[in-house]
PDB file of N, CA and C in Angstrom:
ATOM      1  N   MET A   1      -4.252  39.741 -33.191  1.00  0.00           N
ATOM      2  CA  MET A   1      -5.382  40.358 -33.924  1.00  0.00           C
ATOM      3  C   MET A   1      -6.571  40.080 -32.921  1.00  0.00           C
ATOM      4  N   ALA A   2      -7.047  41.371 -32.833  1.00  0.00           N
ATOM      5  CA  ALA A   2      -8.494  40.902 -31.613  1.00  0.00           C
ATOM      6  C   ALA A   2      -9.663  40.176 -32.797  1.00  0.00           C
ATOM      7  N   ILE A   3     -10.610  39.645 -32.038  1.00  0.00           N
ATOM      8  CA  ILE A   3     -11.450  38.919 -32.778  1.00  0.00           C
ATOM      9  C   ILE A   3     -12.528  39.470 -32.229  1.00  0.00           C
ATOM     10  N   ARG A   4     -13.952  40.376 -32.055  1.00  0.00           N
ATOM     11  CA  ARG A   4     -14.890  40.741 -31.602  1.00  0.00           C
ATOM     12  C   ARG A   4     -16.072  39.394 -31.860  1.00  0.00           C
ATOM     13  N   SER A   5     -16.793  39.042 -30.840  1.00  0.00           N
ATOM     14  CA  SER A   5     -17.972  38.021 -31.054  1.00  0.00           C
ATOM     15  C   SER A   5     -19.001  38.878 -31.834  1.00  0.00           C
ATOM     16  N   LEU A   6     -19.713  38.286 -32.487  1.00  0.00           N
ATOM     17  CA  LEU A   6     -21.102  38.483 -33.258  1.00  0.00           C
ATOM     18  C   LEU A   6     -22.105  38.779 -31.966  1.00  0.00           C
ATOM     19  N   GLU A   7     -22.452  40.019 -31.898  1.00  0.00           N
ATOM     20  CA  GLU A   7     -23.524  40.147 -30.768  1.00  0.00           C
ATOM     21  C   GLU A   7     -24.768  40.986 -31.508  1.00  0.00           C
ATOM     22  N   TYR A   8     -25.693  41.043 -31.072  1.00  0.00           N
ATOM     23  CA  TYR A   8     -26.843  42.227 -31.369  1.00  0.00           C
ATOM     24  C   TYR A   8     -26.657  42.897 -30.285  1.00  0.00           C
ATOM     25  N   GLU A   9     -27.128  44.240 -31.135  1.00  0.00           N
ATOM     26  CA  GLU A   9     -26.811  45.482 -30.526  1.00  0.00           C
ATOM     27  C   GLU A   9     -28.499  45.898 -29.877  1.00  0.00           C
ATOM     28  N   ASP A  10     -29.260  45.498 -30.414  1.00  0.00           N
ATOM     29  CA  ASP A  10     -30.478  45.548 -29.987  1.00  0.00           C
ATOM     30  C   ASP A  10     -31.641  44.202 -30.282  1.00  0.00           C
ATOM     31  N   ILE A  11     -32.368  44.035 -29.020  1.00  0.00           N
ATOM     32  CA  ILE A  11     -33.179  42.787 -28.810  1.00  0.00           C
ATOM     33  C   ILE A  11     -34.168  43.081 -30.050  1.00  0.00           C
ATOM     34  N   LEU A  12     -34.659  43.904 -30.254  1.00  0.00           N
ATOM     35  CA  LEU A  12     -35.880  43.537 -31.438  1.00  0.00           C
ATOM     36  C   LEU A  12     -35.407  42.871 -32.602  1.00  0.00           C
ATOM     37  N   GLU A  13     -34.048  43.101 -33.105  1.00  0.00           N
ATOM     38  CA  GLU A  13     -33.336  42.335 -34.138  1.00  0.00           C
ATOM     39  C   GLU A  13     -33.200  41.084 -33.884  1.00  0.00           C
ATOM     40  N   LYS A  14     -32.708  40.506 -32.947  1.00  0.00           N
ATOM     41  CA  LYS A  14     -32.386  39.282 -32.447  1.00  0.00           C
ATOM     42  C   LYS A  14     -34.266  38.945 -32.426  1.00  0.00           C
ATOM     43  N   LYS A  15     -34.749  39.177 -32.225  1.00  0.00           N
ATOM     44  CA  LYS A  15     -36.268  38.697 -32.548  1.00  0.00           C
ATOM     45  C   LYS A  15     -36.600  38.334 -33.488  1.00  0.00           C
ATOM     46  N   LYS A  16     -36.558  39.849 -34.364  1.00  0.00           N
ATOM     47  CA  LYS A  16     -37.219  39.825 -35.852  1.00  0.00           C
ATOM     48  C   LYS A  16     -35.963  38.599 -36.487  1.00  0.00           C
ATOM     49  N   ASP A  17     -34.742  38.279 -36.288  1.00  0.00           N
ATOM     50  CA  ASP A  17     -34.107  37.159 -36.904  1.00  0.00           C
ATOM     51  C   ASP A  17     -34.682  35.722 -36.408  1.00  0.00           C
ATOM     52  N   ARG A  18     -35.028  35.303 -35.511  1.00  0.00           N
ATOM     53  CA  ARG A  18     -35.507  34.009 -34.638  1.00  0.00           C
ATOM     54  C   ARG A  18     -36.944  33.883 -35.575  1.00  0.00           C
ATOM     55  N   ILE A  19     -37.806  34.875 -35.676  1.00  0.00           N
ATOM     56  CA  ILE A  19     -39.109  34.719 -36.361  1.00  0.00           C
ATOM     57  C   ILE A  19     -38.764  34.672 -37.682  1.00  0.00           C
ATOM     58  N   PHE A  20     -37.782  35.002 -38.424  1.00  0.00           N
ATOM     59  CA  PHE A  20     -37.194  34.743 -39.892  1.00  0.00           C
ATOM     60  C   PHE A  20     -37.198  33.105 -40.056  1.00  0.00           C
ATOM     61  N   ILE A  21     -36.141  33.067 -38.839  1.00  0.00           N
ATOM     62  CA  ILE A  21     -35.847  31.475 -38.768  1.00  0.00           C
ATOM     63  C   ILE A  21     -36.736  30.474 -38.989  1.00  0.00           C
ATOM     64  N   GLU A  22     -37.589  30.704 -37.942  1.00  0.00           N
ATOM     65  CA  GLU A  22     -38.956  29.886 -37.739  1.00  0.00           C
ATOM     66  C   GLU A  22     -39.786  29.952 -38.854  1.00  0.00           C
ATOM     67  N   GLN A  23     -40.192  31.563 -39.537  1.00  0.00           N
ATOM     68  CA  GLN A  23     -40.789  30.762 -40.784  1.00  0.00           C
ATOM     69  C   GLN A  23     -40.309  30.573 -42.081  1.00  0.00           C
ATOM     70  N   ASN A  24     -39.366  29.845 -42.314  1.00  0.00           N
ATOM     71  CA  ASN A  24     -38.667  29.714 -43.543  1.00  0.00           C
ATOM     72  C   ASN A  24     -38.288  28.577 -43.314  1.00  0.00           C
ATOM     73  N   ILE A  25     -37.719  27.958 -41.989  1.00  0.00           N
ATOM     74  CA  ILE A  25     -36.667  26.831 -41.628  1.00  0.00           C
ATOM     75  C   ILE A  25     -37.808  25.361 -42.635  1.00  0.00           C
ATOM     76  N   ASP A  26     -39.007  25.456 -42.402  1.00  0.00           N
ATOM     77  CA  ASP A  26     -39.596  24.331 -42.896  1.00  0.00           C
ATOM     78  C   ASP A  26     -39.798  24.381 -44.374  1.00  0.00           C
ATOM     79  N   SER A  27     -39.608  25.489 -44.955  1.00  0.00           N
ATOM     80  CA  SER A  27     -39.771  25.272 -46.460  1.00  0.00           C
ATOM     81  C   SER A  27     -38.440  24.930 -47.106  1.00  0.00           C
ATOM     82  N   LEU A  28     -36.948  24.547 -46.196  1.00  0.00           N
ATOM     83  CA  LEU A  28     -35.811  24.099 -46.926  1.00  0.00           C
ATOM     84  C   LEU A  28     -35.718  23.049 -46.958  1.00  0.00           C
ATOM     85  N   SER A  29     -35.062  22.742 -48.020  1.00  0.00           N
ATOM     86  CA  SER A  29     -34.680  21.154 -48.763  1.00  0.00           C
ATOM     87  C   SER A  29     -33.959  20.267 -47.405  1.00  0.00           C
ATOM     88  N   LYS A  30     -34.124  18.999 -47.433  1.00  0.00           N
ATOM     89  CA  LYS A  30     -33.215  18.438 -46.500  1.00  0.00           C
ATOM     90  C   LYS A  30     -31.450  18.664 -46.603  1.00  0.00           C
ATOM     91  N   GLU A  31     -31.191  18.676 -47.923  1.00  0.00           N
ATOM     92  CA  GLU A  31     -29.574  19.318 -47.763  1.00  0.00           C
ATOM     93  C   GLU A  31     -29.323  20.647 -46.910  1.00  0.00           C
ATOM     94  N   ASP A  32     -30.270  21.368 -47.249  1.00  0.00           N
ATOM     95  CA  ASP A  32     -30.033  22.666 -46.680  1.00  0.00           C
ATOM     96  C   ASP A  32     -29.937  22.775 -44.794  1.00  0.00           C
ATOM     97  N   HIS A  33     -31.196  21.869 -44.321  1.00  0.00           N
ATOM     98  CA  HIS A  33     -31.386  21.468 -43.116  1.00  0.00           C
ATOM     99  C   HIS A  33     -29.895  20.897 -42.380  1.00  0.00           C
ATOM    100  N   ILE A  34     -29.206  19.887 -43.396  1.00  0.00           N
ATOM    101  CA  ILE A  34     -28.129  19.301 -43.267  1.00  0.00           C
ATOM    102  C   ILE A  34     -27.126  20.502 -42.838  1.00  0.00           C
ATOM    103  N   TYR A  35     -26.997  21.442 -43.584  1.00  0.00           N
ATOM    104  CA  TYR A  35     -25.866  22.721 -43.202  1.00  0.00           C
ATOM    105  C   TYR A  35     -25.997  23.236 -42.277  1.00  0.00           C
ATOM    106  N   ILE A  36     -27.335  23.544 -42.120  1.00  0.00           N
ATOM    107  CA  ILE A  36     -27.901  24.489 -40.527  1.00  0.00           C
ATOM    108  C   ILE A  36     -27.733  23.461 -39.263  1.00  0.00           C
ATOM    109  N   PHE A  37     -27.991  22.245 -39.920  1.00  0.00           N
ATOM    110  CA  PHE A  37     -27.467  21.202 -38.105  1.00  0.00           C
ATOM    111  C   PHE A  37     -26.517  21.034 -38.045  1.00  0.00           C
ATOM    112  N   LYS A  38     -25.285  21.039 -38.980  1.00  0.00           N
ATOM    113  CA  LYS A  38     -23.586  21.280 -38.428  1.00  0.00           C
ATOM    114  C   LYS A  38     -23.271  22.966 -38.001  1.00  0.00           C
ATOM    115  N   ILE A  39     -24.000  23.808 -38.071  1.00  0.00           N
ATOM    116  CA  ILE A  39     -23.967  24.780 -37.324  1.00  0.00           C
ATOM    117  C   ILE A  39     -24.375  25.176 -35.837  1.00  0.00           C
ATOM    118  N   VAL A  40     -25.589  24.178 -35.649  1.00  0.00           N
ATOM    119  CA  VAL A  40     -26.213  23.775 -34.281  1.00  0.00           C
ATOM    120  C   VAL A  40     -25.977  22.577 -33.963  1.00  0.00           C
ATOM    121  N   ARG A  41     -24.888  21.874 -34.244  1.00  0.00           N
ATOM    122  CA  ARG A  41     -24.812  20.812 -33.459  1.00  0.00           C
ATOM    123  C   ARG A  41     -24.695  20.824 -32.370  1.00  0.00           C
ATOM    124  N   PRO A  42     -23.046  21.385 -32.224  1.00  0.00           N
ATOM    125  CA  PRO A  42     -22.549  22.071 -30.419  1.00  0.00           C
ATOM    126  C   PRO A  42     -23.878  22.192 -29.870  1.00  0.00           C
ATOM    127  N   TYR A  43     -25.047  22.463 -29.844  1.00  0.00           N
ATOM    128  CA  TYR A  43     -25.997  22.968 -28.931  1.00  0.00           C
ATOM    129  C   TYR A  43     -26.679  22.008 -28.730  1.00  0.00           C
ATOM    130  N   ILE A  44     -26.654  20.759 -29.314  1.00  0.00           N
ATOM    131  CA  ILE A  44     -27.554  19.603 -29.212  1.00  0.00           C
ATOM    132  C   ILE A  44     -26.830  18.594 -28.022  1.00  0.00           C
ATOM    133  N   LYS A  45     -27.708  18.243 -27.330  1.00  0.00           N
ATOM    134  CA  LYS A  45     -27.014  17.278 -26.417  1.00  0.00           C
ATOM    135  C   LYS A  45     -26.514  16.110 -26.963  1.00  0.00           C
ATOM    136  N   PRO A  46     -25.251  15.845 -26.299  1.00  0.00           N
ATOM    137  CA  PRO A  46     -24.748  14.852 -27.060  1.00  0.00           C
ATOM    138  C   PRO A  46     -25.234  13.276 -26.773  1.00  0.00           C
ATOM    139  N   THR A  47     -26.149  13.392 -25.894  1.00  0.00           N
ATOM    140  CA  THR A  47     -26.362  12.103 -25.189  1.00  0.00           C
ATOM    141  C   THR A  47     -28.133  11.545 -26.295  1.00  0.00           C
ATOM    142  N   THR A  48     -28.446  12.650 -27.403  1.00  0.00           N
ATOM    143  CA  THR A  48     -29.353  12.747 -27.894  1.00  0.00           C
ATOM    144  C   THR A  48     -29.702  11.141 -28.252  1.00  0.00           C
ATOM    145  N   THR A  49     -30.909  10.497 -28.090  1.00  0.00           N
ATOM    146  CA  THR A  49     -31.572   9.062 -28.781  1.00  0.00           C
ATOM    147  C   THR A  49     -32.553   9.182 -29.634  1.00  0.00           C
ATOM    148  N   SER A  50     -33.374  10.450 -29.930  1.00  0.00           N
ATOM    149  CA  SER A  50     -34.626  10.194 -30.822  1.00  0.00           C
ATOM    150  C   SER A  50     -34.245  11.405 -31.384  1.00  0.00           C
ATOM    151  N   GLU A  51     -35.044  11.391 -32.597  1.00  0.00           N
ATOM    152  CA  GLU A  51     -35.167  12.862 -33.491  1.00  0.00           C
ATOM    153  C   GLU A  51     -35.801  14.301 -32.585  1.00  0.00           C
ATOM    154  N   GLN A  52     -36.402  13.760 -31.679  1.00  0.00           N
ATOM    155  CA  GLN A  52     -37.327  15.059 -31.084  1.00  0.00           C
ATOM    156  C   GLN A  52     -35.967  15.521 -29.934  1.00  0.00           C
ATOM    157  N   ASP A  53     -35.032  15.067 -29.526  1.00  0.00           N
ATOM    158  CA  ASP A  53     -33.995  15.535 -28.814  1.00  0.00           C
ATOM    159  C   ASP A  53     -33.346  16.536 -29.694  1.00  0.00           C
ATOM    160  N   THR A  54     -33.018  16.186 -31.181  1.00  0.00           N
ATOM    161  CA  THR A  54     -32.176  17.208 -31.489  1.00  0.00           C
ATOM    162  C   THR A  54     -32.896  18.357 -31.868  1.00  0.00           C
ATOM    163  N   VAL A  55     -33.988  18.496 -31.699  1.00  0.00           N
ATOM    164  CA  VAL A  55     -34.769  20.168 -32.006  1.00  0.00           C
ATOM    165  C   VAL A  55     -34.104  21.207 -31.043  1.00  0.00           C
ATOM    166  N   VAL A  56     -33.561  21.912 -31.749  1.00  0.00           N
ATOM    167  CA  VAL A  56     -32.791  23.006 -31.098  1.00  0.00           C
ATOM    168  C   VAL A  56     -33.813  24.225 -31.093  1.00  0.00           C
ATOM    169  N   ASP A  57     -33.750  24.362 -29.294  1.00  0.00           N
ATOM    170  CA  ASP A  57     -34.311  26.192 -29.053  1.00  0.00           C
ATOM    171  C   ASP A  57     -33.626  26.953 -29.725  1.00  0.00           C
ATOM    172  N   ILE A  58     -33.880  28.040 -30.345  1.00  0.00           N
ATOM    173  CA  ILE A  58     -33.236  28.855 -31.418  1.00  0.00           C
ATOM    174  C   ILE A  58     -33.232  30.220 -29.938  1.00  0.00           C
ATOM    175  N   SER A  59     -34.055  30.576 -29.060  1.00  0.00           N
ATOM    176  CA  SER A  59     -33.908  31.376 -28.345  1.00  0.00           C
ATOM    177  C   SER A  59     -32.997  31.204 -27.348  1.00  0.00           C
ATOM    178  N   LYS A  60     -32.204  29.886 -27.807  1.00  0.00           N
ATOM    179  CA  LYS A  60     -30.760  30.026 -26.363  1.00  0.00           C
ATOM    180  C   LYS A  60     -29.670  30.111 -27.138  1.00  0.00           C
ATOM    181  N   LEU A  61     -29.581  30.112 -28.210  1.00  0.00           N
ATOM    182  CA  LEU A  61     -28.483  30.287 -29.096  1.00  0.00           C
ATOM    183  C   LEU A  61     -27.732  31.412 -28.812  1.00  0.00           C
ATOM    184  N   PRO A  62     -26.398  31.163 -28.519  1.00  0.00           N
ATOM    185  CA  PRO A  62     -25.749  32.480 -28.501  1.00  0.00           C
ATOM    186  C   PRO A  62     -25.988  33.587 -29.986  1.00  0.00           C
ATOM    187  N   ASP A  63     -25.533  34.584 -29.719  1.00  0.00           N
ATOM    188  CA  ASP A  63     -26.100  35.538 -30.884  1.00  0.00           C
ATOM    189  C   ASP A  63     -25.184  35.292 -32.173  1.00  0.00           C
ATOM    190  N   GLY A  64     -24.038  35.052 -32.086  1.00  0.00           N
ATOM    191  CA  GLY A  64     -23.391  34.546 -33.195  1.00  0.00           C
ATOM    192  C   GLY A  64     -23.846  33.589 -33.981  1.00  0.00           C
ATOM    193  N   ILE A  65     -23.886  32.440 -33.350  1.00  0.00           N
ATOM    194  CA  ILE A  65     -24.812  31.105 -34.048  1.00  0.00           C
ATOM    195  C   ILE A  65     -25.890  31.665 -34.644  1.00  0.00           C
ATOM    196  N   LEU A  66     -27.092  32.329 -33.778  1.00  0.00           N
ATOM    197  CA  LEU A  66     -28.206  32.766 -34.288  1.00  0.00           C
ATOM    198  C   LEU A  66     -28.140  33.713 -35.692  1.00  0.00           C
ATOM    199  N   MET A  67     -26.952  34.372 -35.803  1.00  0.00           N
ATOM    200  CA  MET A  67     -26.623  35.357 -36.745  1.00  0.00           C
ATOM    201  C   MET A  67     -26.234  34.164 -38.219  1.00  0.00           C
ATOM    202  N   GLU A  68     -25.373  33.178 -37.385  1.00  0.00           N
ATOM    203  CA  GLU A  68     -25.254  32.313 -38.644  1.00  0.00           C
ATOM    204  C   GLU A  68     -26.018  31.612 -39.473  1.00  0.00           C
ATOM    205  N   VAL A  69     -27.058  30.936 -38.391  1.00  0.00           N
ATOM    206  CA  VAL A  69     -28.069  30.263 -38.865  1.00  0.00           C
ATOM    207  C   VAL A  69     -29.298  31.230 -39.747  1.00  0.00           C
ATOM    208  N   LYS A  70     -29.357  32.413 -39.515  1.00  0.00           N
ATOM    209  CA  LYS A  70     -30.179  33.271 -40.232  1.00  0.00           C
ATOM    210  C   LYS A  70     -29.692  33.731 -41.526  1.00  0.00           C
ATOM    211  N   ASN A  71     -28.479  33.946 -41.408  1.00  0.00           N
ATOM    212  CA  ASN A  71     -27.576  33.947 -42.865  1.00  0.00           C
ATOM    213  C   ASN A  71     -27.607  32.908 -43.546  1.00  0.00           C
ATOM    214  N   MET A  72     -27.696  31.908 -43.084  1.00  0.00           N
ATOM    215  CA  MET A  72     -27.768  30.161 -43.911  1.00  0.00           C
ATOM    216  C   MET A  72     -28.975  30.267 -44.172  1.00  0.00           C
ATOM    217  N   VAL A  73     -30.122  30.314 -43.774  1.00  0.00           N
ATOM    218  CA  VAL A  73     -31.444  30.002 -43.905  1.00  0.00           C
ATOM    219  C   VAL A  73     -31.572  31.193 -44.958  1.00  0.00           C
ATOM    220  N   ASN A  74     -30.993  32.462 -44.839  1.00  0.00           N
ATOM    221  CA  ASN A  74     -31.198  33.561 -46.412  1.00  0.00           C
ATOM    222  C   ASN A  74     -30.794  32.828 -47.308  1.00  0.00           C
ATOM    223  N   VAL A  75     -29.332  32.413 -47.609  1.00  0.00           N
ATOM    224  CA  VAL A  75     -28.450  31.828 -48.675  1.00  0.00           C
ATOM    225  C   VAL A  75     -29.324  31.039 -48.897  1.00  0.00           C
ATOM    226  N   CYS A  76     -29.946  30.082 -48.171  1.00  0.00           N
ATOM    227  CA  CYS A  76     -30.417  28.855 -48.700  1.00  0.00           C
ATOM    228  C   CYS A  76     -31.542  29.137 -49.637  1.00  0.00           C
ATOM    229  N   LEU A  77     -32.697  30.072 -48.922  1.00  0.00           N
ATOM    230  CA  LEU A  77     -33.386  30.447 -49.954  1.00  0.00           C
ATOM    231  C   LEU A  77     -33.099  30.949 -51.023  1.00  0.00           C
ATOM    232  N   LEU A  78     -32.393  32.086 -50.883  1.00  0.00           N
ATOM    233  CA  LEU A  78     -31.540  32.523 -52.230  1.00  0.00           C
ATOM    234  C   LEU A  78     -31.430  31.860 -53.196  1.00  0.00           C
ATOM    235  N   ASN A  79     -30.724  30.590 -52.677  1.00  0.00           N
ATOM    236  CA  ASN A  79     -29.863  29.549 -53.780  1.00  0.00           C
ATOM    237  C   ASN A  79     -31.402  28.706 -53.944  1.00  0.00           C
ATOM    238  N   ASN A  80     -32.208  28.289 -53.668  1.00  0.00           N
ATOM    239  CA  ASN A  80     -33.641  27.907 -54.130  1.00  0.00           C
ATOM    240  C   ASN A  80     -34.205  28.662 -54.695  1.00  0.00           C
ATOM    241  N   LYS A  81     -34.465  29.749 -54.768  1.00  0.00           N
ATOM    242  CA  LYS A  81     -34.823  30.938 -55.591  1.00  0.00           C
ATOM    243  C   LYS A  81     -34.107  30.880 -56.862  1.00  0.00           C
ATOM    244  N   ARG A  82     -32.778  31.099 -56.981  1.00  0.00           N
ATOM    245  CA  ARG A  82     -32.170  31.000 -57.880  1.00  0.00           C
ATOM    246  C   ARG A  82     -32.122  29.717 -58.900  1.00  0.00           C
ATOM    247  N   LYS A  83     -32.277  28.520 -58.290  1.00  0.00           N
ATOM    248  CA  LYS A  83     -32.573  27.339 -58.923  1.00  0.00           C
ATOM    249  C   LYS A  83     -33.966  27.135 -59.807  1.00  0.00           C
ATOM    250  N   GLU A  84     -35.232  28.103 -58.720  1.00  0.00           N
ATOM    251  CA  GLU A  84     -36.362  28.081 -59.338  1.00  0.00           C
ATOM    252  C   GLU A  84     -36.270  28.674 -60.375  1.00  0.00           C
ATOM    253  N   ASP A  85     -35.490  29.734 -60.698  1.00  0.00           N
ATOM    254  CA  ASP A  85     -35.782  30.888 -61.819  1.00  0.00           C
ATOM    255  C   ASP A  85     -34.476  30.392 -63.132  1.00  0.00           C
ATOM    256  N   ILE A  86     -33.757  29.521 -62.655  1.00  0.00           N
ATOM    257  CA  ILE A  86     -33.304  28.848 -63.867  1.00  0.00           C
ATOM    258  C   ILE A  86     -33.837  28.096 -64.162  1.00  0.00           C
ATOM    259  N   GLY A  87     -34.441  27.200 -63.769  1.00  0.00           N
ATOM    260  CA  GLY A  87     -35.361  26.162 -63.886  1.00  0.00           C
ATOM    261  C   GLY A  87     -36.326  26.589 -65.118  1.00  0.00           C
ATOM    262  N   LYS A  88     -37.037  27.866 -64.524  1.00  0.00           N
ATOM    263  CA  LYS A  88     -38.151  28.524 -65.366  1.00  0.00           C
ATOM    264  C   LYS A  88     -37.380  29.074 -66.565  1.00  0.00           C
ATOM    265  N   TYR A  89     -36.044  29.661 -66.477  1.00  0.00           N
ATOM    266  CA  TYR A  89     -35.820  30.142 -67.872  1.00  0.00           C
ATOM    267  C   TYR A  89     -35.635  29.064 -68.825  1.00  0.00           C
ATOM    268  N   SER A  90     -34.997  27.621 -68.274  1.00  0.00           N
ATOM    269  CA  SER A  90     -34.358  26.708 -68.950  1.00  0.00           C
ATOM    270  C   SER A  90     -35.684  26.290 -69.746  1.00  0.00           C
ATOM    271  N   ASN A  91     -36.754  26.021 -68.740  1.00  0.00           N
ATOM    272  CA  ASN A  91     -38.183  25.612 -69.654  1.00  0.00           C
ATOM    273  C   ASN A  91     -38.632  26.507 -71.103  1.00  0.00           C
ATOM    274  N   GLU A  92     -38.449  27.796 -70.308  1.00  0.00           N
ATOM    275  CA  GLU A  92     -39.030  28.809 -71.480  1.00  0.00           C
ATOM    276  C   GLU A  92     -37.948  28.790 -72.602  1.00  0.00           C
ATOM    277  N   HIS A  93     -36.511  28.571 -72.489  1.00  0.00           N
ATOM    278  CA  HIS A  93     -35.756  28.494 -73.708  1.00  0.00           C
ATOM    279  C   HIS A  93     -35.962  27.260 -74.171  1.00  0.00           C
ATOM    280  N   VAL A  94     -36.394  26.231 -74.096  1.00  0.00           N
ATOM    281  CA  VAL A  94     -36.787  24.972 -74.623  1.00  0.00           C
ATOM    282  C   VAL A  94     -38.087  25.012 -75.475  1.00  0.00           C
ATOM    283  N   GLN A  95     -38.688  25.774 -74.923  1.00  0.00           N
ATOM    284  CA  GLN A  95     -39.962  25.957 -75.611  1.00  0.00           C
ATOM    285  C   GLN A  95     -40.088  27.082 -76.481  1.00  0.00           C
ATOM    286  N   VAL A  96     -39.331  28.160 -76.612  1.00  0.00           N
ATOM    287  CA  VAL A  96     -38.845  28.803 -77.588  1.00  0.00           C
ATOM    288  C   VAL A  96     -38.162  28.191 -78.610  1.00  0.00           C
ATOM    289  N   MET A  97     -37.360  27.871 -78.258  1.00  0.00           N
ATOM    290  CA  MET A  97     -36.331  26.672 -79.327  1.00  0.00           C
ATOM    291  C   MET A  97     -37.156  26.076 -79.753  1.00  0.00           C
ATOM    292  N   ASN A  98     -37.982  24.954 -79.272  1.00  0.00           N
ATOM    293  CA  ASN A  98     -38.703  24.042 -80.095  1.00  0.00           C
ATOM    294  C   ASN A  98     -39.719  25.046 -81.187  1.00  0.00           C
ATOM    295  N   LYS A  99     -40.219  26.218 -80.835  1.00  0.00           N
ATOM    296  CA  LYS A  99     -40.909  27.056 -81.528  1.00  0.00           C
ATOM    297  C   LYS A  99     -40.438  27.389 -82.951  1.00  0.00           C
ATOM    298  N   LEU A 100     -38.824  27.795 -82.601  1.00  0.00           N
ATOM    299  CA  LEU A 100     -38.122  28.275 -83.547  1.00  0.00           C
ATOM    300  C   LEU A 100     -37.971  27.340 -84.719  1.00  0.00           C
ATOM    301  N   GLU A 101     -37.717  26.041 -84.307  1.00  0.00           N
ATOM    302  CA  GLU A 101     -37.377  24.903 -84.959  1.00  0.00           C
ATOM    303  C   GLU A 101     -38.454  24.702 -85.444  1.00  0.00           C
ATOM    304  N   LYS A 102     -39.853  24.158 -85.432  1.00  0.00           N
ATOM    305  CA  LYS A 102     -41.227  23.954 -85.736  1.00  0.00           C
ATOM    306  C   LYS A 102     -41.346  25.442 -86.887  1.00  0.00           C
ATOM    307  N   GLU A 103     -40.849  26.082 -87.013  1.00  0.00           N
ATOM    308  CA  GLU A 103     -41.499  27.503 -87.397  1.00  0.00           C
ATOM    309  C   GLU A 103     -40.283  27.634 -88.754  1.00  0.00           C
ATOM    310  N   LEU A 104     -39.311  26.839 -88.470  1.00  0.00           N
ATOM    311  CA  LEU A 104     -37.684  26.967 -89.454  1.00  0.00           C
ATOM    312  C   LEU A 104     -38.186  25.919 -90.455  1.00  0.00           C
ATOM    313  N   THR A 105     -38.746  24.592 -89.765  1.00  0.00           N
ATOM    314  CA  THR A 105     -38.909  23.433 -90.737  1.00  0.00           C
ATOM    315  C   THR A 105     -40.085  23.754 -91.771  1.00  0.00           C
ATOM    316  N   GLN A 106     -41.478  24.368 -91.036  1.00  0.00           N
ATOM    317  CA  GLN A 106     -42.399  25.179 -92.272  1.00  0.00           C
ATOM    318  C   GLN A 106     -41.812  25.692 -93.240  1.00  0.00           C
ATOM    319  N   ARG A 107     -40.917  26.715 -93.059  1.00  0.00           N
ATOM    320  CA  ARG A 107     -40.597  27.973 -94.031  1.00  0.00           C
ATOM    321  C   ARG A 107     -39.265  27.100 -95.051  1.00  0.00           C
ATOM    322  N   SER A 108     -38.867  25.973 -94.527  1.00  0.00           N
ATOM    323  CA  SER A 108     -38.026  25.475 -95.200  1.00  0.00           C
ATOM    324  C   SER A 108     -38.887  24.377 -96.183  1.00  0.00           C
ATOM    325  N   ARG A 109     -40.370  24.071 -95.668  1.00  0.00           N
ATOM    326  CA  ARG A 109     -41.075  22.872 -96.365  1.00  0.00           C
ATOM    327  C   ARG A 109     -41.457  23.873 -97.541  1.00  0.00           C
ATOM    328  N   GLN A 110     -42.212  25.279 -97.256  1.00  0.00           N
ATOM    329  CA  GLN A 110     -42.460  26.062 -97.930  1.00  0.00           C
ATOM    330  C   GLN A 110     -41.813  26.436 -99.317  1.00  0.00           C
ATOM    331  N   PHE A 111     -40.471  26.780 -99.046  1.00  0.00           N
ATOM    332  CA  PHE A 111     -39.194  27.153 -99.513  1.00  0.00           C
ATOM    333  C   PHE A 111     -38.819  26.180-100.784  1.00  0.00           C
ATOM    334  N   ASN A 112     -39.083  24.656-100.102  1.00  0.00           N
ATOM    335  CA  ASN A 112     -38.930  23.561-101.272  1.00  0.00           C
ATOM    336  C   ASN A 112     -39.926  23.377-102.151  1.00  0.00           C
ATOM    337  N   ASN A 113     -41.191  23.630-101.803  1.00  0.00           N
ATOM    338  CA  ASN A 113     -42.302  23.184-102.390  1.00  0.00           C
ATOM    339  C   ASN A 113     -42.506  24.350-103.646  1.00  0.00           C
TER     340      ASN A 113
END
């Protein structure tokens, strides 16, 4: 079975992916950064001693790894958006249920009087 490595057909597409990563990487959580770090770990010097040494120049990553990082950033962004939406829904649901409970309590009081 032959496996073809992922490569960009267009330099512009590669540039867009790099820009996408640069624009969104800082908005990710610490856990998200750990996932991405695992992908780029082989491209960090093994003799690094400081946090500054762990900074990866994404322009020097191979195409396949750059695509993986871009996809992981995208997945993390979508996952974070989903969590945010669930939180909003959850809060709205609690508020609606509290309102319904209050209305039901008021109706039952009126019925009992």
